[in-house]
């Protein structure tokens, strides 16, 4: 059971999350060794029980030979790069759409134990591309309580399923992971090696129940509200919005996330966009993505430079 931590006595004013660093990794080639005999037997039974009611046949060869990247491995890589032992975090959120190829351990809880500090840990799934945006909302809401000043959002995806779905699904082209470190302190020195600068989380929006025939209109409405008041705007579109018409008036540039990376794509491009904008640039970077299967339209906005000096607009 999750129990909220006490709000610090000095947190009279709710803090807001600032994006301090972004790290990303792509994985090509095989992962670690496959499971041993006992784990393989457990996974075979476990997956069969889950898939049988839906008519999904399992793929024993996937479990037998290994090779797929586990989310544990990806999370450990990012935590090692983002979280020094002397700077622990209060919150870890793992967001994913494709299940881990080897179930049996709560990755979020396990990573919470090995991550410096004693962080709360959450795993978000079954939301398609909206999972990472839900993770962002969780970071924001817990930051506002004053109880989670440093948070880590891990967005991961891998391209292998241990069962064969009977409906069309879009799998990632390769395993990839993006880590975003948030901090309540915007005045800390930026990590020059990270290629990013402090960016204030200015807005986040999630709209469920958006059909393919209405997504363009809804995107225009949401985008107009999210970008209001910003002197300069850049836009990153996820692969779910590929081909969707966008009114580009007043937008300096539009960056398209790479095809084949439905969960990590927009967050991968965010690192480049923040680096390109640079400190003092006074620009609002808006991320937008859409999951057509679930009907989720999501947006998030980050302010840099002069635009970051304003008040939060959640």
C-alpha atoms as a PDB file:
ATOM      1  CA  UNK A   1       0.000   0.000   0.000  1.00  0.00           C
ATOM      2  CA  UNK A   2       1.253   3.472  -0.815  1.00  0.00           C
ATOM      3  CA  UNK A   3       1.431   5.862   2.135  1.00  0.00           C
ATOM      4  CA  UNK A   4       2.092   9.522   1.459  1.00  0.00           C
ATOM      5  CA  UNK A   5       5.172  10.906   3.118  1.00  0.00           C
ATOM      6  CA  UNK A   6       4.769  13.783   5.545  1.00  0.00           C
ATOM      7  CA  UNK A   7       5.176  17.170   3.974  1.00  0.00           C
ATOM      8  CA  UNK A   8       8.296  18.917   5.271  1.00  0.00           C
ATOM      9  CA  UNK A   9       7.584  21.652   7.790  1.00  0.00           C
ATOM     10  CA  UNK A  10       9.438  24.198   5.649  1.00  0.00           C
ATOM     11  CA  UNK A  11       7.359  23.443   2.561  1.00  0.00           C
ATOM     12  CA  UNK A  12       4.877  26.268   3.132  1.00  0.00           C
ATOM     13  CA  UNK A  13       4.868  27.014  -0.584  1.00  0.00           C
ATOM     14  CA  UNK A  14       4.410  24.039  -2.941  1.00  0.00           C
ATOM     15  CA  UNK A  15       7.488  23.443  -5.065  1.00  0.00           C
ATOM     16  CA  UNK A  16       7.431  22.951  -8.811  1.00  0.00           C
ATOM     17  CA  UNK A  17       9.493  20.420 -10.743  1.00  0.00           C
ATOM     18  CA  UNK A  18      12.366  21.587 -12.910  1.00  0.00           C
ATOM     19  CA  UNK A  19      13.844  19.253 -15.477  1.00  0.00           C
ATOM     20  CA  UNK A  20      17.534  19.108 -14.580  1.00  0.00           C
ATOM     21  CA  UNK A  21      18.946  16.395 -16.853  1.00  0.00           C
ATOM     22  CA  UNK A  22      17.897  14.043 -19.632  1.00  0.00           C
ATOM     23  CA  UNK A  23      19.767  10.852 -20.448  1.00  0.00           C
ATOM     24  CA  UNK A  24      18.900   8.393 -23.196  1.00  0.00           C
ATOM     25  CA  UNK A  25      20.094   5.035 -24.464  1.00  0.00           C
ATOM     26  CA  UNK A  26      19.330   2.825 -27.424  1.00  0.00           C
ATOM     27  CA  UNK A  27      20.123  -0.876 -27.319  1.00  0.00           C
ATOM     28  CA  UNK A  28      21.106  -2.916 -30.345  1.00  0.00           C
ATOM     29  CA  UNK A  29      22.065  -6.537 -30.326  1.00  0.00           C
ATOM     30  CA  UNK A  30      21.283  -9.188 -27.730  1.00  0.00           C
ATOM     31  CA  UNK A  31      20.764  -8.500 -24.071  1.00  0.00           C
ATOM     32  CA  UNK A  32      21.779 -10.670 -21.164  1.00  0.00           C
ATOM     33  CA  UNK A  33      21.583 -14.466 -20.978  1.00  0.00           C
ATOM     34  CA  UNK A  34      18.240 -16.221 -20.959  1.00  0.00           C
ATOM     35  CA  UNK A  35      16.544 -17.425 -17.774  1.00  0.00           C
ATOM     36  CA  UNK A  36      17.599 -20.593 -16.030  1.00  0.00           C
ATOM     37  CA  UNK A  37      15.502 -23.725 -16.056  1.00  0.00           C
ATOM     38  CA  UNK A  38      13.515 -22.892 -12.913  1.00  0.00           C
ATOM     39  CA  UNK A  39      12.750 -19.327 -14.021  1.00  0.00           C
ATOM     40  CA  UNK A  40      11.838 -20.504 -17.514  1.00  0.00           C
ATOM     41  CA  UNK A  41       9.344 -22.999 -16.087  1.00  0.00           C
ATOM     42  CA  UNK A  42       7.819 -20.301 -13.892  1.00  0.00           C
ATOM     43  CA  UNK A  43       7.572 -17.796 -16.747  1.00  0.00           C
ATOM     44  CA  UNK A  44       6.066 -20.376 -19.085  1.00  0.00           C
ATOM     45  CA  UNK A  45       3.286 -21.173 -16.626  1.00  0.00           C
ATOM     46  CA  UNK A  46       2.777 -17.549 -15.640  1.00  0.00           C
ATOM     47  CA  UNK A  47       2.485 -16.260 -19.196  1.00  0.00           C
ATOM     48  CA  UNK A  48       0.284 -19.165 -20.283  1.00  0.00           C
ATOM     49  CA  UNK A  49      -2.159 -18.408 -17.478  1.00  0.00           C
ATOM     50  CA  UNK A  50      -2.262 -14.738 -18.476  1.00  0.00           C
ATOM     51  CA  UNK A  51      -2.576 -15.273 -22.224  1.00  0.00           C
ATOM     52  CA  UNK A  52      -4.974 -18.239 -22.306  1.00  0.00           C
ATOM     53  CA  UNK A  53      -8.225 -16.300 -21.645  1.00  0.00           C
ATOM     54  CA  UNK A  54      -7.423 -14.025 -24.604  1.00  0.00           C
ATOM     55  CA  UNK A  55      -6.382 -16.771 -26.991  1.00  0.00           C
ATOM     56  CA  UNK A  56      -2.763 -15.576 -27.163  1.00  0.00           C
ATOM     57  CA  UNK A  57      -0.293 -18.405 -27.796  1.00  0.00           C
ATOM     58  CA  UNK A  58       2.963 -18.095 -25.882  1.00  0.00           C
ATOM     59  CA  UNK A  59       6.406 -18.139 -27.495  1.00  0.00           C
ATOM     60  CA  UNK A  60       8.610 -20.520 -25.488  1.00  0.00           C
ATOM     61  CA  UNK A  61      11.580 -19.843 -27.771  1.00  0.00           C
ATOM     62  CA  UNK A  62      11.702 -16.221 -26.602  1.00  0.00           C
ATOM     63  CA  UNK A  63      12.091 -17.272 -22.986  1.00  0.00           C
ATOM     64  CA  UNK A  64      14.513 -20.068 -23.797  1.00  0.00           C
ATOM     65  CA  UNK A  65      17.052 -18.014 -25.704  1.00  0.00           C
ATOM     66  CA  UNK A  66      16.908 -14.685 -23.912  1.00  0.00           C
ATOM     67  CA  UNK A  67      18.469 -11.838 -25.840  1.00  0.00           C
ATOM     68  CA  UNK A  68      15.718  -9.285 -25.134  1.00  0.00           C
ATOM     69  CA  UNK A  69      16.573  -6.299 -22.998  1.00  0.00           C
ATOM     70  CA  UNK A  70      15.028  -6.274 -19.551  1.00  0.00           C
ATOM     71  CA  UNK A  71      13.709  -3.077 -18.052  1.00  0.00           C
ATOM     72  CA  UNK A  72      15.806  -3.726 -14.968  1.00  0.00           C
ATOM     73  CA  UNK A  73      18.931  -3.438 -17.108  1.00  0.00           C
ATOM     74  CA  UNK A  74      17.800  -0.221 -18.794  1.00  0.00           C
ATOM     75  CA  UNK A  75      16.712   1.382 -15.521  1.00  0.00           C
ATOM     76  CA  UNK A  76      19.998   0.516 -13.864  1.00  0.00           C
ATOM     77  CA  UNK A  77      21.955   2.137 -16.705  1.00  0.00           C
ATOM     78  CA  UNK A  78      20.016   5.397 -16.447  1.00  0.00           C
ATOM     79  CA  UNK A  79      20.046   5.534 -12.667  1.00  0.00           C
ATOM     80  CA  UNK A  80      23.805   5.084 -12.717  1.00  0.00           C
ATOM     81  CA  UNK A  81      24.162   8.089 -15.037  1.00  0.00           C
ATOM     82  CA  UNK A  82      21.604  10.382 -13.438  1.00  0.00           C
ATOM     83  CA  UNK A  83      21.660   9.786  -9.693  1.00  0.00           C
ATOM     84  CA  UNK A  84      24.964  10.182  -7.825  1.00  0.00           C
ATOM     85  CA  UNK A  85      25.168   8.441  -4.480  1.00  0.00           C
ATOM     86  CA  UNK A  86      25.471  11.822  -2.782  1.00  0.00           C
ATOM     87  CA  UNK A  87      22.302  13.203  -4.396  1.00  0.00           C
ATOM     88  CA  UNK A  88      19.473  10.721  -3.675  1.00  0.00           C
ATOM     89  CA  UNK A  89      15.992  11.029  -5.136  1.00  0.00           C
ATOM     90  CA  UNK A  90      12.604  10.974  -3.448  1.00  0.00           C
ATOM     91  CA  UNK A  91      10.589   9.402  -6.270  1.00  0.00           C
ATOM     92  CA  UNK A  92      11.175   6.900  -9.094  1.00  0.00           C
ATOM     93  CA  UNK A  93       8.524   6.385 -11.796  1.00  0.00           C
ATOM     94  CA  UNK A  94       8.900   3.688 -14.452  1.00  0.00           C
ATOM     95  CA  UNK A  95       6.635   4.150 -17.503  1.00  0.00           C
ATOM     96  CA  UNK A  96       6.231   1.550 -20.243  1.00  0.00           C
ATOM     97  CA  UNK A  97       3.707   0.158 -22.727  1.00  0.00           C
ATOM     98  CA  UNK A  98       5.245  -3.158 -23.848  1.00  0.00           C
ATOM     99  CA  UNK A  99       5.467  -5.650 -20.957  1.00  0.00           C
ATOM    100  CA  UNK A 100       8.860  -6.707 -19.714  1.00  0.00           C
ATOM    101  CA  UNK A 101       9.863  -9.881 -21.527  1.00  0.00           C
ATOM    102  CA  UNK A 102      10.711 -11.564 -18.224  1.00  0.00           C
ATOM    103  CA  UNK A 103       8.098 -10.943 -15.578  1.00  0.00           C
ATOM    104  CA  UNK A 104       8.408 -12.005 -11.969  1.00  0.00           C
ATOM    105  CA  UNK A 105       9.913  -8.975 -10.264  1.00  0.00           C
ATOM    106  CA  UNK A 106       8.473  -5.530  -9.683  1.00  0.00           C
ATOM    107  CA  UNK A 107      11.006  -3.462 -11.585  1.00  0.00           C
ATOM    108  CA  UNK A 108       9.876  -0.166 -10.072  1.00  0.00           C
ATOM    109  CA  UNK A 109      10.154  -1.476  -6.515  1.00  0.00           C
ATOM    110  CA  UNK A 110      13.476  -3.168  -7.194  1.00  0.00           C
ATOM    111  CA  UNK A 111      14.922  -0.027  -8.731  1.00  0.00           C
ATOM    112  CA  UNK A 112      13.584   1.972  -5.811  1.00  0.00           C
ATOM    113  CA  UNK A 113      15.606  -0.206  -3.420  1.00  0.00           C
ATOM    114  CA  UNK A 114      18.882   0.156  -5.297  1.00  0.00           C
ATOM    115  CA  UNK A 115      18.454   3.825  -6.195  1.00  0.00           C
ATOM    116  CA  UNK A 116      20.311   6.197  -3.841  1.00  0.00           C
ATOM    117  CA  UNK A 117      18.026   7.355  -1.059  1.00  0.00           C
ATOM    118  CA  UNK A 118      14.749   5.762  -0.019  1.00  0.00           C
ATOM    119  CA  UNK A 119      12.457   6.786  -2.902  1.00  0.00           C
ATOM    120  CA  UNK A 120       8.830   6.076  -3.463  1.00  0.00           C
ATOM    121  CA  UNK A 121       8.547   3.881  -6.563  1.00  0.00           C
ATOM    122  CA  UNK A 122       5.747   3.498  -9.100  1.00  0.00           C
ATOM    123  CA  UNK A 123       5.285   1.536 -12.335  1.00  0.00           C
ATOM    124  CA  UNK A 124       2.825   2.844 -14.956  1.00  0.00           C
ATOM    125  CA  UNK A 125       1.588   0.631 -17.782  1.00  0.00           C
ATOM    126  CA  UNK A 126      -1.531  -0.259 -19.819  1.00  0.00           C
ATOM    127  CA  UNK A 127      -1.800   3.354 -20.998  1.00  0.00           C
ATOM    128  CA  UNK A 128       0.087   3.106 -24.277  1.00  0.00           C
ATOM    129  CA  UNK A 129       2.041   6.242 -25.127  1.00  0.00           C
ATOM    130  CA  UNK A 130       0.202   8.095 -22.353  1.00  0.00           C
ATOM    131  CA  UNK A 131       2.117   6.224 -19.638  1.00  0.00           C
ATOM    132  CA  UNK A 132       5.087   8.603 -19.636  1.00  0.00           C
ATOM    133  CA  UNK A 133       2.794  11.642 -19.560  1.00  0.00           C
ATOM    134  CA  UNK A 134       0.958  10.106 -16.605  1.00  0.00           C
ATOM    135  CA  UNK A 135       4.358   9.668 -14.968  1.00  0.00           C
ATOM    136  CA  UNK A 136       5.023  13.351 -15.541  1.00  0.00           C
ATOM    137  CA  UNK A 137       1.755  14.241 -13.806  1.00  0.00           C
ATOM    138  CA  UNK A 138       2.719  12.040 -10.886  1.00  0.00           C
ATOM    139  CA  UNK A 139       6.080  13.817 -10.620  1.00  0.00           C
ATOM    140  CA  UNK A 140       4.329  17.180 -10.721  1.00  0.00           C
ATOM    141  CA  UNK A 141       1.636  16.359  -8.163  1.00  0.00           C
ATOM    142  CA  UNK A 142       4.048  14.883  -5.627  1.00  0.00           C
ATOM    143  CA  UNK A 143       6.441  17.792  -6.133  1.00  0.00           C
ATOM    144  CA  UNK A 144       3.654  20.201  -5.288  1.00  0.00           C
ATOM    145  CA  UNK A 145       3.241  18.571  -1.868  1.00  0.00           C
ATOM    146  CA  UNK A 146       6.836  19.448  -1.018  1.00  0.00           C
ATOM    147  CA  UNK A 147       7.518  15.816  -0.106  1.00  0.00           C
ATOM    148  CA  UNK A 148       9.246  14.778  -3.338  1.00  0.00           C
ATOM    149  CA  UNK A 149      11.765  17.407  -4.320  1.00  0.00           C
ATOM    150  CA  UNK A 150      13.918  15.191  -6.555  1.00  0.00           C
ATOM    151  CA  UNK A 151      12.207  12.761  -8.911  1.00  0.00           C
ATOM    152  CA  UNK A 152      13.301  10.395 -11.648  1.00  0.00           C
ATOM    153  CA  UNK A 153      11.036   9.481 -14.570  1.00  0.00           C
ATOM    154  CA  UNK A 154      12.208   6.462 -16.585  1.00  0.00           C
ATOM    155  CA  UNK A 155      10.540   5.814 -19.963  1.00  0.00           C
ATOM    156  CA  UNK A 156      11.438   2.407 -21.384  1.00  0.00           C
ATOM    157  CA  UNK A 157      10.427   0.125 -24.245  1.00  0.00           C
ATOM    158  CA  UNK A 158      11.642  -3.137 -25.736  1.00  0.00           C
ATOM    159  CA  UNK A 159      10.655  -4.859 -28.955  1.00  0.00           C
ATOM    160  CA  UNK A 160       9.996  -8.458 -27.889  1.00  0.00           C
ATOM    161  CA  UNK A 161       6.805 -10.163 -26.740  1.00  0.00           C
ATOM    162  CA  UNK A 162       6.791 -13.595 -25.162  1.00  0.00           C
ATOM    163  CA  UNK A 163       3.329 -14.260 -26.584  1.00  0.00           C
ATOM    164  CA  UNK A 164       1.702 -13.802 -29.980  1.00  0.00           C
ATOM    165  CA  UNK A 165      -1.154 -11.259 -29.903  1.00  0.00           C
ATOM    166  CA  UNK A 166      -4.204 -12.000 -32.032  1.00  0.00           C
ATOM    167  CA  UNK A 167      -4.776  -8.325 -32.846  1.00  0.00           C
ATOM    168  CA  UNK A 168      -2.432  -5.919 -34.643  1.00  0.00           C
ATOM    169  CA  UNK A 169       0.070  -4.265 -32.338  1.00  0.00           C
ATOM    170  CA  UNK A 170       2.875  -1.783 -32.928  1.00  0.00           C
ATOM    171  CA  UNK A 171       6.116  -2.843 -31.319  1.00  0.00           C
ATOM    172  CA  UNK A 172       9.195  -0.628 -31.007  1.00  0.00           C
ATOM    173  CA  UNK A 173      11.890  -0.958 -33.636  1.00  0.00           C
ATOM    174  CA  UNK A 174      14.523  -1.417 -30.921  1.00  0.00           C
ATOM    175  CA  UNK A 175      14.934  -1.255 -27.182  1.00  0.00           C
ATOM    176  CA  UNK A 176      15.379   2.281 -25.864  1.00  0.00           C
ATOM    177  CA  UNK A 177      15.218   4.180 -22.591  1.00  0.00           C
ATOM    178  CA  UNK A 178      15.045   7.831 -21.574  1.00  0.00           C
ATOM    179  CA  UNK A 179      15.590   9.127 -18.052  1.00  0.00           C
ATOM    180  CA  UNK A 180      14.450  12.558 -16.846  1.00  0.00           C
ATOM    181  CA  UNK A 181      15.695  13.931 -13.545  1.00  0.00           C
ATOM    182  CA  UNK A 182      13.540  16.590 -11.881  1.00  0.00           C
ATOM    183  CA  UNK A 183      14.504  18.863  -9.021  1.00  0.00           C
ATOM    184  CA  UNK A 184      12.744  21.573  -7.058  1.00  0.00           C
ATOM    185  CA  UNK A 185      15.909  23.699  -7.196  1.00  0.00           C
ATOM    186  CA  UNK A 186      16.194  25.594 -10.467  1.00  0.00           C
ATOM    187  CA  UNK A 187      19.337  27.421  -9.364  1.00  0.00           C
ATOM    188  CA  UNK A 188      21.624  24.415  -9.153  1.00  0.00           C
ATOM    189  CA  UNK A 189      24.453  24.309 -11.648  1.00  0.00           C
ATOM    190  CA  UNK A 190      23.494  22.677 -14.940  1.00  0.00           C
ATOM    191  CA  UNK A 191      25.356  19.545 -15.942  1.00  0.00           C
ATOM    192  CA  UNK A 192      27.192  20.596 -19.082  1.00  0.00           C
ATOM    193  CA  UNK A 193      27.847  16.989 -20.059  1.00  0.00           C
ATOM    194  CA  UNK A 194      24.129  16.251 -19.996  1.00  0.00           C
ATOM    195  CA  UNK A 195      23.501  18.536 -22.949  1.00  0.00           C
ATOM    196  CA  UNK A 196      20.500  20.088 -21.236  1.00  0.00           C
ATOM    197  CA  UNK A 197      19.685  23.123 -19.108  1.00  0.00           C
ATOM    198  CA  UNK A 198      17.101  23.643 -16.353  1.00  0.00           C
ATOM    199  CA  UNK A 199      13.615  23.700 -17.828  1.00  0.00           C
ATOM    200  CA  UNK A 200      10.453  24.443 -15.869  1.00  0.00           C
ATOM    201  CA  UNK A 201       7.522  22.106 -16.351  1.00  0.00           C
ATOM    202  CA  UNK A 202       5.004  24.698 -17.542  1.00  0.00           C
ATOM    203  CA  UNK A 203       1.997  22.527 -18.393  1.00  0.00           C
ATOM    204  CA  UNK A 204       0.812  18.990 -18.918  1.00  0.00           C
ATOM    205  CA  UNK A 205      -2.463  17.883 -20.484  1.00  0.00           C
ATOM    206  CA  UNK A 206      -4.068  14.473 -21.008  1.00  0.00           C
ATOM    207  CA  UNK A 207      -7.285  14.031 -22.978  1.00  0.00           C
ATOM    208  CA  UNK A 208      -8.874  10.556 -23.119  1.00  0.00           C
ATOM    209  CA  UNK A 209     -11.535   9.443 -25.573  1.00  0.00           C
ATOM    210  CA  UNK A 210     -10.173  11.344 -28.584  1.00  0.00           C
ATOM    211  CA  UNK A 211     -11.058   9.603 -31.848  1.00  0.00           C
ATOM    212  CA  UNK A 212      -8.897   9.654 -34.986  1.00  0.00           C
ATOM    213  CA  UNK A 213     -11.447  11.884 -36.718  1.00  0.00           C
ATOM    214  CA  UNK A 214     -11.281  14.546 -34.000  1.00  0.00           C
ATOM    215  CA  UNK A 215      -7.626  14.423 -32.962  1.00  0.00           C
ATOM    216  CA  UNK A 216      -6.519  17.240 -35.299  1.00  0.00           C
ATOM    217  CA  UNK A 217      -9.097  19.666 -33.926  1.00  0.00           C
ATOM    218  CA  UNK A 218      -8.453  18.670 -30.335  1.00  0.00           C
ATOM    219  CA  UNK A 219      -4.708  19.034 -30.839  1.00  0.00           C
ATOM    220  CA  UNK A 220      -5.175  22.548 -32.232  1.00  0.00           C
ATOM    221  CA  UNK A 221      -7.261  23.545 -29.206  1.00  0.00           C
ATOM    222  CA  UNK A 222      -4.893  22.048 -26.646  1.00  0.00           C
ATOM    223  CA  UNK A 223      -1.823  23.414 -28.392  1.00  0.00           C
ATOM    224  CA  UNK A 224      -3.273  26.931 -28.449  1.00  0.00           C
ATOM    225  CA  UNK A 225      -3.876  26.799 -24.698  1.00  0.00           C
ATOM    226  CA  UNK A 226      -0.520  25.254 -23.802  1.00  0.00           C
ATOM    227  CA  UNK A 227       1.503  27.728 -25.872  1.00  0.00           C
ATOM    228  CA  UNK A 228      -0.431  30.821 -24.726  1.00  0.00           C
ATOM    229  CA  UNK A 229       1.838  33.546 -23.386  1.00  0.00           C
ATOM    230  CA  UNK A 230       5.073  32.066 -24.735  1.00  0.00           C
ATOM    231  CA  UNK A 231       7.204  34.355 -26.892  1.00  0.00           C
ATOM    232  CA  UNK A 232       8.867  31.473 -28.713  1.00  0.00           C
ATOM    233  CA  UNK A 233       7.570  27.940 -29.233  1.00  0.00           C
ATOM    234  CA  UNK A 234       9.024  24.727 -30.570  1.00  0.00           C
ATOM    235  CA  UNK A 235       6.969  21.570 -31.033  1.00  0.00           C
ATOM    236  CA  UNK A 236       7.905  17.896 -30.830  1.00  0.00           C
ATOM    237  CA  UNK A 237       5.356  15.514 -32.359  1.00  0.00           C
ATOM    238  CA  UNK A 238       5.268  11.847 -31.432  1.00  0.00           C
ATOM    239  CA  UNK A 239       4.854   9.109 -33.999  1.00  0.00           C
ATOM    240  CA  UNK A 240       1.177   8.812 -33.086  1.00  0.00           C
ATOM    241  CA  UNK A 241       0.645  12.239 -34.669  1.00  0.00           C
ATOM    242  CA  UNK A 242       2.575  11.538 -37.863  1.00  0.00           C
ATOM    243  CA  UNK A 243       0.599  13.021 -40.739  1.00  0.00           C
ATOM    244  CA  UNK A 244      -1.706  14.995 -38.449  1.00  0.00           C
ATOM    245  CA  UNK A 245      -2.144  18.561 -39.776  1.00  0.00           C
ATOM    246  CA  UNK A 246      -0.706  21.238 -37.485  1.00  0.00           C
ATOM    247  CA  UNK A 247      -1.092  24.996 -37.725  1.00  0.00           C
ATOM    248  CA  UNK A 248       2.551  26.039 -37.602  1.00  0.00           C
ATOM    249  CA  UNK A 249       1.945  29.784 -37.419  1.00  0.00           C
ATOM    250  CA  UNK A 250       3.990  31.205 -34.558  1.00  0.00           C
ATOM    251  CA  UNK A 251       5.949  27.965 -34.084  1.00  0.00           C
ATOM    252  CA  UNK A 252       9.665  28.327 -34.726  1.00  0.00           C
ATOM    253  CA  UNK A 253      10.263  24.684 -35.561  1.00  0.00           C
ATOM    254  CA  UNK A 254       8.533  21.330 -35.498  1.00  0.00           C
ATOM    255  CA  UNK A 255      10.548  18.238 -34.683  1.00  0.00           C
ATOM    256  CA  UNK A 256       9.168  14.770 -35.476  1.00  0.00           C
ATOM    257  CA  UNK A 257       9.966  11.884 -33.166  1.00  0.00           C
ATOM    258  CA  UNK A 258      11.565   8.892 -34.901  1.00  0.00           C
ATOM    259  CA  UNK A 259       9.212   6.290 -36.300  1.00  0.00           C
ATOM    260  CA  UNK A 260       9.277   2.959 -34.528  1.00  0.00           C
ATOM    261  CA  UNK A 261       9.719   4.301 -30.984  1.00  0.00           C
ATOM    262  CA  UNK A 262       6.148   4.922 -29.783  1.00  0.00           C
ATOM    263  CA  UNK A 263       6.934   5.315 -26.071  1.00  0.00           C
ATOM    264  CA  UNK A 264      10.379   6.915 -25.973  1.00  0.00           C
ATOM    265  CA  UNK A 265      10.272   8.913 -29.231  1.00  0.00           C
ATOM    266  CA  UNK A 266       9.115  12.347 -28.032  1.00  0.00           C
ATOM    267  CA  UNK A 267      11.238  12.151 -24.875  1.00  0.00           C
ATOM    268  CA  UNK A 268      14.280  11.174 -26.937  1.00  0.00           C
ATOM    269  CA  UNK A 269      13.813  14.274 -29.088  1.00  0.00           C
ATOM    270  CA  UNK A 270      13.268  16.475 -26.047  1.00  0.00           C
ATOM    271  CA  UNK A 271      16.949  16.126 -25.142  1.00  0.00           C
ATOM    272  CA  UNK A 272      17.986  17.469 -28.543  1.00  0.00           C
ATOM    273  CA  UNK A 273      15.458  20.277 -28.394  1.00  0.00           C
ATOM    274  CA  UNK A 274      16.578  21.497 -24.980  1.00  0.00           C
ATOM    275  CA  UNK A 275      20.198  21.355 -26.037  1.00  0.00           C
ATOM    276  CA  UNK A 276      19.468  23.300 -29.210  1.00  0.00           C
ATOM    277  CA  UNK A 277      17.522  25.978 -27.374  1.00  0.00           C
ATOM    278  CA  UNK A 278      20.301  26.560 -24.852  1.00  0.00           C
ATOM    279  CA  UNK A 279      20.254  28.617 -21.661  1.00  0.00           C
ATOM    280  CA  UNK A 280      18.681  32.049 -21.818  1.00  0.00           C
ATOM    281  CA  UNK A 281      16.850  31.153 -24.995  1.00  0.00           C
ATOM    282  CA  UNK A 282      13.417  32.001 -23.653  1.00  0.00           C
ATOM    283  CA  UNK A 283      11.585  29.215 -25.467  1.00  0.00           C
ATOM    284  CA  UNK A 284       8.675  26.934 -24.656  1.00  0.00           C
ATOM    285  CA  UNK A 285       9.112  23.382 -25.927  1.00  0.00           C
ATOM    286  CA  UNK A 286       5.851  21.478 -26.335  1.00  0.00           C
ATOM    287  CA  UNK A 287       5.636  17.701 -26.615  1.00  0.00           C
ATOM    288  CA  UNK A 288       2.518  16.113 -28.112  1.00  0.00           C
ATOM    289  CA  UNK A 289       1.639  12.501 -28.770  1.00  0.00           C
ATOM    290  CA  UNK A 290      -1.445  10.418 -29.491  1.00  0.00           C
ATOM    291  CA  UNK A 291      -2.326   6.774 -28.966  1.00  0.00           C
ATOM    292  CA  UNK A 292      -4.933   5.891 -31.622  1.00  0.00           C
ATOM    293  CA  UNK A 293      -5.730   2.495 -30.103  1.00  0.00           C
ATOM    294  CA  UNK A 294      -6.629   3.964 -26.703  1.00  0.00           C
ATOM    295  CA  UNK A 295      -7.661   7.465 -27.818  1.00  0.00           C
ATOM    296  CA  UNK A 296      -5.248   9.329 -25.533  1.00  0.00           C
ATOM    297  CA  UNK A 297      -3.964  12.754 -26.608  1.00  0.00           C
ATOM    298  CA  UNK A 298      -1.192  14.092 -24.381  1.00  0.00           C
ATOM    299  CA  UNK A 299       0.819  17.322 -24.243  1.00  0.00           C
ATOM    300  CA  UNK A 300       3.571  18.643 -22.011  1.00  0.00           C
ATOM    301  CA  UNK A 301       5.406  21.965 -22.098  1.00  0.00           C
ATOM    302  CA  UNK A 302       8.804  22.971 -20.740  1.00  0.00           C
ATOM    303  CA  UNK A 303      10.044  26.549 -20.432  1.00  0.00           C
ATOM    304  CA  UNK A 304      13.674  27.574 -20.792  1.00  0.00           C
ATOM    305  CA  UNK A 305      15.478  30.834 -20.265  1.00  0.00           C
ATOM    306  CA  UNK A 306      13.286  33.921 -20.014  1.00  0.00           C
ATOM    307  CA  UNK A 307      10.052  31.937 -20.363  1.00  0.00           C
ATOM    308  CA  UNK A 308      10.962  29.837 -17.319  1.00  0.00           C
ATOM    309  CA  UNK A 309      10.762  32.851 -15.047  1.00  0.00           C
ATOM    310  CA  UNK A 310       6.980  32.949 -15.132  1.00  0.00           C
ATOM    311  CA  UNK A 311       4.566  31.220 -12.783  1.00  0.00           C
ATOM    312  CA  UNK A 312       3.574  27.575 -13.286  1.00  0.00           C
ATOM    313  CA  UNK A 313       0.529  27.058 -15.498  1.00  0.00           C
ATOM    314  CA  UNK A 314      -0.610  23.554 -14.613  1.00  0.00           C
END
